[in-house]
């Protein structure tokens, strides 16, 4: 029994080239169309293409929003924020860190007080009512100790999840959180 030692990539390329030679023009155009459709589908269902930068207070949020040219509602784009990071901090190719655990106490679960019954409709209304009451009871504080529970934030939207991941990797931002990042710490780095 003989063994053939070659890189799998080389074998795959040879098989692909042989398959390519056997396809008609119509089959090639259909395959190309299928690839384009698959890419469009991936972009349509891609939901992880944003970062929410969270801040302790409105003053920090305002300074960051001015830096990254966010609109009045706190939205900006990856293409706008990249040059700001390139100009202000040179964190490229730094060692990545695991995201830190959240500090402080999280918000209480508003559904803890809801008792379930046999009525799906009644339970749904009770849950919606409990969530509405929880939102209505919240006040915007002047300063939040737990930055991830803050009402002060700026959201940056990227082209797709690959663009977002490369941004996080290039500037070693994983240490500040995942999709919700400690914007106060990032602002310190930008202003240093």
Protein backbone atom coordinates (compact mmCIF):
# COMPACT_ATOMS: atom_id res chain seq x y z
CA UNK A 1 0.00 0.00 0.00
CA UNK A 2 1.49 3.31 -1.04
CA UNK A 3 0.96 6.73 0.43
CA UNK A 4 0.91 9.92 -1.53
CA UNK A 5 2.33 12.81 0.45
CA UNK A 6 1.18 16.10 -0.97
CA UNK A 7 -0.45 19.15 0.46
CA UNK A 8 -4.26 18.89 0.47
CA UNK A 9 -4.48 22.35 -1.07
CA UNK A 10 -2.55 21.22 -4.13
CA UNK A 11 -4.81 18.19 -4.57
CA UNK A 12 -7.91 20.41 -4.21
CA UNK A 13 -6.59 22.87 -6.79
CA UNK A 14 -5.91 20.06 -9.26
CA UNK A 15 -9.40 18.60 -8.72
CA UNK A 16 -10.96 22.04 -9.11
CA UNK A 17 -9.01 22.68 -12.34
CA UNK A 18 -10.14 19.29 -13.74
CA UNK A 19 -13.76 20.06 -12.81
CA UNK A 20 -13.46 23.55 -14.33
CA UNK A 21 -12.32 22.08 -17.65
CA UNK A 22 -15.46 19.92 -17.85
CA UNK A 23 -17.98 22.73 -17.20
CA UNK A 24 -19.85 24.39 -20.05
CA UNK A 25 -20.13 28.18 -20.27
CA UNK A 26 -23.72 27.97 -19.06
CA UNK A 27 -22.70 25.89 -16.03
CA UNK A 28 -19.86 28.33 -15.24
CA UNK A 29 -22.19 31.33 -15.36
CA UNK A 30 -24.72 29.53 -13.17
CA UNK A 31 -21.98 28.67 -10.65
CA UNK A 32 -20.80 32.30 -10.61
CA UNK A 33 -24.38 33.47 -10.09
CA UNK A 34 -24.77 30.98 -7.24
CA UNK A 35 -21.65 32.38 -5.56
CA UNK A 36 -22.96 35.94 -5.88
CA UNK A 37 -26.32 34.87 -4.41
CA UNK A 38 -24.57 33.18 -1.49
CA UNK A 39 -22.55 36.33 -0.77
CA UNK A 40 -25.70 38.50 -0.92
CA UNK A 41 -27.47 36.10 1.44
CA UNK A 42 -24.57 36.22 3.91
CA UNK A 43 -24.62 40.01 3.86
CA UNK A 44 -28.41 40.07 4.29
CA UNK A 45 -28.34 37.92 7.44
CA UNK A 46 -25.13 39.42 8.88
CA UNK A 47 -26.20 41.06 12.13
CA UNK A 48 -22.86 41.48 13.91
CA UNK A 49 -21.56 44.56 12.12
CA UNK A 50 -21.75 47.22 14.82
CA UNK A 51 -20.07 48.29 18.07
CA UNK A 52 -21.82 50.11 20.88
CA UNK A 53 -19.34 52.32 22.76
CA UNK A 54 -20.76 52.87 26.28
CA UNK A 55 -19.88 55.83 28.54
CA UNK A 56 -20.16 56.74 32.22
CA UNK A 57 -21.75 60.15 31.58
CA UNK A 58 -23.09 62.51 28.91
CA UNK A 59 -19.92 64.63 28.86
CA UNK A 60 -17.71 61.65 27.90
CA UNK A 61 -20.24 60.58 25.28
CA UNK A 62 -20.28 64.08 23.81
CA UNK A 63 -16.48 64.26 23.54
CA UNK A 64 -16.34 60.84 21.85
CA UNK A 65 -19.26 61.68 19.53
CA UNK A 66 -17.46 64.86 18.44
CA UNK A 67 -14.24 62.92 17.75
CA UNK A 68 -15.92 60.23 15.65
CA UNK A 69 -18.40 62.61 13.97
CA UNK A 70 -21.48 60.84 15.31
CA UNK A 71 -24.88 62.35 14.53
CA UNK A 72 -27.21 63.77 17.20
CA UNK A 73 -28.64 60.32 17.95
CA UNK A 74 -25.18 58.78 18.41
CA UNK A 75 -24.63 56.90 15.13
CA UNK A 76 -21.47 56.84 13.04
CA UNK A 77 -19.78 54.56 10.50
CA UNK A 78 -16.65 52.42 10.46
CA UNK A 79 -15.29 54.33 7.46
CA UNK A 80 -15.54 57.56 9.50
CA UNK A 81 -14.12 56.20 12.76
CA UNK A 82 -11.06 54.40 11.28
CA UNK A 83 -9.14 57.56 10.32
CA UNK A 84 -9.73 58.98 13.80
CA UNK A 85 -8.22 55.88 15.40
CA UNK A 86 -5.33 55.86 12.89
CA UNK A 87 -4.54 59.51 13.63
CA UNK A 88 -4.92 59.47 17.40
CA UNK A 89 -3.63 56.07 18.51
CA UNK A 90 -1.26 53.65 16.92
CA UNK A 91 -2.47 50.39 18.43
CA UNK A 92 -2.00 48.24 15.35
CA UNK A 93 -0.52 44.78 15.84
CA UNK A 94 -0.75 44.94 19.63
CA UNK A 95 -1.38 41.81 21.65
CA UNK A 96 -5.07 41.00 22.12
CA UNK A 97 -6.64 40.46 25.51
CA UNK A 98 -9.78 38.62 26.46
CA UNK A 99 -12.73 40.91 27.19
CA UNK A 100 -12.99 41.91 30.82
CA UNK A 101 -15.96 40.81 32.84
CA UNK A 102 -18.58 43.43 33.55
CA UNK A 103 -18.28 45.19 36.87
CA UNK A 104 -21.13 46.52 38.97
CA UNK A 105 -24.59 45.15 39.41
CA UNK A 106 -26.67 44.33 36.36
CA UNK A 107 -30.22 45.56 35.98
CA UNK A 108 -32.77 43.31 37.70
CA UNK A 109 -34.76 41.04 35.41
CA UNK A 110 -38.24 42.59 34.99
CA UNK A 111 -39.73 39.17 34.22
CA UNK A 112 -38.84 37.71 37.63
CA UNK A 113 -42.11 39.01 39.09
CA UNK A 114 -44.28 37.57 36.30
CA UNK A 115 -46.00 34.30 37.16
CA UNK A 116 -46.88 32.01 34.29
CA UNK A 117 -50.35 30.57 33.79
CA UNK A 118 -51.94 28.29 31.23
CA UNK A 119 -52.94 31.24 29.03
CA UNK A 120 -50.33 32.08 26.39
CA UNK A 121 -52.11 35.32 25.56
CA UNK A 122 -52.37 36.36 29.20
CA UNK A 123 -48.72 35.49 29.88
CA UNK A 124 -47.60 37.46 26.83
CA UNK A 125 -49.49 40.56 27.96
CA UNK A 126 -48.17 40.19 31.52
CA UNK A 127 -44.56 39.96 30.24
CA UNK A 128 -45.02 42.95 27.92
CA UNK A 129 -46.56 44.95 30.78
CA UNK A 130 -43.66 44.06 33.12
CA UNK A 131 -41.09 45.12 30.50
CA UNK A 132 -42.96 48.39 29.83
CA UNK A 133 -43.09 49.18 33.58
CA UNK A 134 -39.36 48.43 33.88
CA UNK A 135 -38.56 50.86 31.06
CA UNK A 136 -40.85 53.52 32.49
CA UNK A 137 -39.22 53.22 35.94
CA UNK A 138 -35.72 53.88 34.59
CA UNK A 139 -34.17 57.28 35.06
CA UNK A 140 -31.21 58.63 33.15
CA UNK A 141 -28.54 59.06 35.78
CA UNK A 142 -25.89 61.75 35.51
CA UNK A 143 -23.14 59.11 35.98
CA UNK A 144 -23.18 55.31 35.61
CA UNK A 145 -20.76 53.18 37.60
CA UNK A 146 -21.40 50.17 35.38
CA UNK A 147 -20.61 51.49 31.92
CA UNK A 148 -22.43 48.59 30.21
CA UNK A 149 -25.74 49.60 31.84
CA UNK A 150 -25.30 53.20 30.73
CA UNK A 151 -27.83 55.24 28.80
CA UNK A 152 -24.93 57.13 27.17
CA UNK A 153 -23.59 55.44 24.07
CA UNK A 154 -22.42 55.87 20.47
CA UNK A 155 -23.05 53.13 17.91
CA UNK A 156 -20.63 52.59 15.03
CA UNK A 157 -21.88 50.63 12.01
CA UNK A 158 -19.39 48.77 9.81
CA UNK A 159 -19.75 47.38 6.29
CA UNK A 160 -20.02 43.78 7.54
CA UNK A 161 -18.84 41.57 10.38
CA UNK A 162 -15.46 41.01 8.67
CA UNK A 163 -14.86 44.77 8.60
CA UNK A 164 -15.80 44.99 12.29
CA UNK A 165 -13.52 42.11 13.28
CA UNK A 166 -10.57 43.59 11.41
CA UNK A 167 -11.16 46.96 13.15
CA UNK A 168 -11.20 45.31 16.58
CA UNK A 169 -8.08 43.29 15.73
CA UNK A 170 -6.14 46.22 14.20
CA UNK A 171 -6.60 48.42 17.26
CA UNK A 172 -6.55 45.65 19.91
CA UNK A 173 -9.99 46.67 21.20
CA UNK A 174 -11.08 43.24 22.45
CA UNK A 175 -9.80 44.15 25.92
CA UNK A 176 -12.54 46.81 26.14
CA UNK A 177 -15.42 44.41 25.50
CA UNK A 178 -17.13 42.63 22.65
CA UNK A 179 -19.91 44.35 20.71
CA UNK A 180 -20.53 46.55 23.76
CA UNK A 181 -17.27 48.29 24.60
CA UNK A 182 -16.09 50.49 27.44
CA UNK A 183 -16.08 53.74 25.49
CA UNK A 184 -14.77 55.69 28.50
CA UNK A 185 -11.49 53.69 28.43
CA UNK A 186 -11.23 54.01 24.65
CA UNK A 187 -11.80 57.78 24.94
CA UNK A 188 -8.89 57.96 27.42
CA UNK A 189 -6.65 56.24 24.86
CA UNK A 190 -7.84 58.55 22.07
CA UNK A 191 -7.23 61.69 24.14
CA UNK A 192 -3.86 60.62 25.57
